[in-house]
């Protein structure tokens, strides 16, 4: 289930990146890379689970819901941290050039 959530977030962030190109200061490319990497990680985990246990996707409700929530929260928190860093960096460059 967490693979599907990460894949969904990758698709959503890719759509944001492609269709909101006028807002270059939002740096949606980092959101795409973050959730793309999470999707790749969970895909490898699903393949390993299919090889070892014969089950590609897991739907163990209490555990998988928490893993999915932490994947989304962690990805968004990492994106917001990068956005804060780039915003501060851009403000410092404006002050230096003025």
C-alpha atoms as a PDB file:
ATOM      1  CA  UNK A   1       0.000   0.000   0.000  1.00  0.00           C
ATOM      2  CA  UNK A   2       2.829   2.417   0.775  1.00  0.00           C
ATOM      3  CA  UNK A   3       4.217   1.842  -2.723  1.00  0.00           C
ATOM      4  CA  UNK A   4       0.899   2.975  -4.200  1.00  0.00           C
ATOM      5  CA  UNK A   5       0.818   6.052  -1.955  1.00  0.00           C
ATOM      6  CA  UNK A   6       4.365   7.018  -2.932  1.00  0.00           C
ATOM      7  CA  UNK A   7       3.515   6.446  -6.609  1.00  0.00           C
ATOM      8  CA  UNK A   8       0.430   8.642  -6.260  1.00  0.00           C
ATOM      9  CA  UNK A   9       2.447  11.398  -4.608  1.00  0.00           C
ATOM     10  CA  UNK A  10       5.040  11.122  -7.390  1.00  0.00           C
ATOM     11  CA  UNK A  11       2.338  11.583 -10.010  1.00  0.00           C
ATOM     12  CA  UNK A  12       0.798  14.528  -8.149  1.00  0.00           C
ATOM     13  CA  UNK A  13       4.175  16.240  -7.709  1.00  0.00           C
ATOM     14  CA  UNK A  14       5.053  15.600 -11.369  1.00  0.00           C
ATOM     15  CA  UNK A  15       1.782  17.233 -12.441  1.00  0.00           C
ATOM     16  CA  UNK A  16       2.543  20.209 -10.191  1.00  0.00           C
ATOM     17  CA  UNK A  17       6.000  20.478 -11.725  1.00  0.00           C
ATOM     18  CA  UNK A  18       4.729  20.269 -15.300  1.00  0.00           C
ATOM     19  CA  UNK A  19       1.681  22.499 -15.041  1.00  0.00           C
ATOM     20  CA  UNK A  20       2.873  25.185 -12.610  1.00  0.00           C
ATOM     21  CA  UNK A  21       6.037  26.166 -14.465  1.00  0.00           C
ATOM     22  CA  UNK A  22       5.467  29.877 -13.901  1.00  0.00           C
ATOM     23  CA  UNK A  23       6.233  29.496 -10.179  1.00  0.00           C
ATOM     24  CA  UNK A  24       9.937  28.682 -10.485  1.00  0.00           C
ATOM     25  CA  UNK A  25      10.576  29.797  -6.909  1.00  0.00           C
ATOM     26  CA  UNK A  26       8.532  26.862  -5.536  1.00  0.00           C
ATOM     27  CA  UNK A  27      11.125  24.321  -6.775  1.00  0.00           C
ATOM     28  CA  UNK A  28       8.662  21.495  -7.462  1.00  0.00           C
ATOM     29  CA  UNK A  29      11.490  19.523  -9.080  1.00  0.00           C
ATOM     30  CA  UNK A  30      12.757  18.636  -5.604  1.00  0.00           C
ATOM     31  CA  UNK A  31       9.315  17.345  -4.665  1.00  0.00           C
ATOM     32  CA  UNK A  32       9.348  15.153  -7.789  1.00  0.00           C
ATOM     33  CA  UNK A  33      12.819  13.804  -6.948  1.00  0.00           C
ATOM     34  CA  UNK A  34      11.861  13.157  -3.331  1.00  0.00           C
ATOM     35  CA  UNK A  35       8.732  11.154  -4.062  1.00  0.00           C
ATOM     36  CA  UNK A  36      10.314   9.527  -7.108  1.00  0.00           C
ATOM     37  CA  UNK A  37      13.115   8.217  -4.911  1.00  0.00           C
ATOM     38  CA  UNK A  38      10.582   7.012  -2.323  1.00  0.00           C
ATOM     39  CA  UNK A  39       8.640   5.227  -5.063  1.00  0.00           C
ATOM     40  CA  UNK A  40      11.809   3.549  -6.307  1.00  0.00           C
ATOM     41  CA  UNK A  41      12.699   2.496  -2.766  1.00  0.00           C
ATOM     42  CA  UNK A  42       9.251   0.993  -2.135  1.00  0.00           C
ATOM     43  CA  UNK A  43       9.279  -0.676  -5.561  1.00  0.00           C
ATOM     44  CA  UNK A  44      12.508  -2.456  -4.670  1.00  0.00           C
ATOM     45  CA  UNK A  45      10.954  -3.430  -1.336  1.00  0.00           C
ATOM     46  CA  UNK A  46       7.888  -4.827  -3.120  1.00  0.00           C
ATOM     47  CA  UNK A  47      10.055  -6.825  -5.529  1.00  0.00           C
ATOM     48  CA  UNK A  48      12.049  -8.231  -2.596  1.00  0.00           C
ATOM     49  CA  UNK A  49       8.787  -9.096  -0.844  1.00  0.00           C
ATOM     50  CA  UNK A  50       7.526 -10.857  -3.959  1.00  0.00           C
ATOM     51  CA  UNK A  51      10.723 -12.894  -4.202  1.00  0.00           C
ATOM     52  CA  UNK A  52      10.863 -13.805  -0.507  1.00  0.00           C
ATOM     53  CA  UNK A  53       7.198 -14.119   0.461  1.00  0.00           C
ATOM     54  CA  UNK A  54       5.387 -14.340  -2.870  1.00  0.00           C
ATOM     55  CA  UNK A  55       3.389 -11.171  -2.175  1.00  0.00           C
ATOM     56  CA  UNK A  56       4.109  -8.014  -4.207  1.00  0.00           C
ATOM     57  CA  UNK A  57       1.848  -5.563  -2.348  1.00  0.00           C
ATOM     58  CA  UNK A  58       1.113  -5.601   1.346  1.00  0.00           C
ATOM     59  CA  UNK A  59      -2.181  -4.455   2.820  1.00  0.00           C
ATOM     60  CA  UNK A  60      -1.613  -4.942   6.543  1.00  0.00           C
ATOM     61  CA  UNK A  61      -3.839  -2.085   7.636  1.00  0.00           C
ATOM     62  CA  UNK A  62      -2.412  -0.647  10.838  1.00  0.00           C
ATOM     63  CA  UNK A  63       1.238  -0.925   9.829  1.00  0.00           C
ATOM     64  CA  UNK A  64       0.905   0.074   6.164  1.00  0.00           C
ATOM     65  CA  UNK A  65      -1.214   3.113   6.946  1.00  0.00           C
ATOM     66  CA  UNK A  66       1.459   4.435   9.309  1.00  0.00           C
ATOM     67  CA  UNK A  67       4.240   3.744   6.810  1.00  0.00           C
ATOM     68  CA  UNK A  68       2.230   5.571   4.134  1.00  0.00           C
ATOM     69  CA  UNK A  69       1.555   8.544   6.400  1.00  0.00           C
ATOM     70  CA  UNK A  70       5.222   8.824   7.386  1.00  0.00           C
ATOM     71  CA  UNK A  71       6.300   8.561   3.753  1.00  0.00           C
ATOM     72  CA  UNK A  72       4.048  11.478   2.786  1.00  0.00           C
ATOM     73  CA  UNK A  73       4.877  13.563   5.863  1.00  0.00           C
ATOM     74  CA  UNK A  74       8.610  12.914   5.514  1.00  0.00           C
ATOM     75  CA  UNK A  75       8.619  13.805   1.818  1.00  0.00           C
ATOM     76  CA  UNK A  76       6.671  17.005   2.352  1.00  0.00           C
ATOM     77  CA  UNK A  77       8.816  17.976   5.357  1.00  0.00           C
ATOM     78  CA  UNK A  78      12.003  17.423   3.327  1.00  0.00           C
ATOM     79  CA  UNK A  79      10.560  19.524   0.488  1.00  0.00           C
ATOM     80  CA  UNK A  80       9.576  22.336   2.874  1.00  0.00           C
ATOM     81  CA  UNK A  81      13.041  22.310   4.416  1.00  0.00           C
ATOM     82  CA  UNK A  82      14.653  22.614   0.982  1.00  0.00           C
ATOM     83  CA  UNK A  83      12.179  25.351   0.042  1.00  0.00           C
ATOM     84  CA  UNK A  84      13.091  27.273   3.194  1.00  0.00           C
ATOM     85  CA  UNK A  85      16.804  26.925   2.447  1.00  0.00           C
ATOM     86  CA  UNK A  86      16.391  28.136  -1.139  1.00  0.00           C
ATOM     87  CA  UNK A  87      14.155  31.022  -0.066  1.00  0.00           C
ATOM     88  CA  UNK A  88      16.737  32.216   2.453  1.00  0.00           C
ATOM     89  CA  UNK A  89      19.500  31.794  -0.132  1.00  0.00           C
ATOM     90  CA  UNK A  90      17.556  33.827  -2.723  1.00  0.00           C
ATOM     91  CA  UNK A  91      16.902  36.607  -0.206  1.00  0.00           C
ATOM     92  CA  UNK A  92      20.584  36.773   0.702  1.00  0.00           C
ATOM     93  CA  UNK A  93      21.560  36.983  -2.969  1.00  0.00           C
ATOM     94  CA  UNK A  94      19.095  39.840  -3.515  1.00  0.00           C
ATOM     95  CA  UNK A  95      20.550  41.752  -0.581  1.00  0.00           C
ATOM     96  CA  UNK A  96      24.109  41.239  -1.822  1.00  0.00           C
ATOM     97  CA  UNK A  97      23.315  42.341  -5.390  1.00  0.00           C
ATOM     98  CA  UNK A  98      21.485  45.474  -4.256  1.00  0.00           C
END
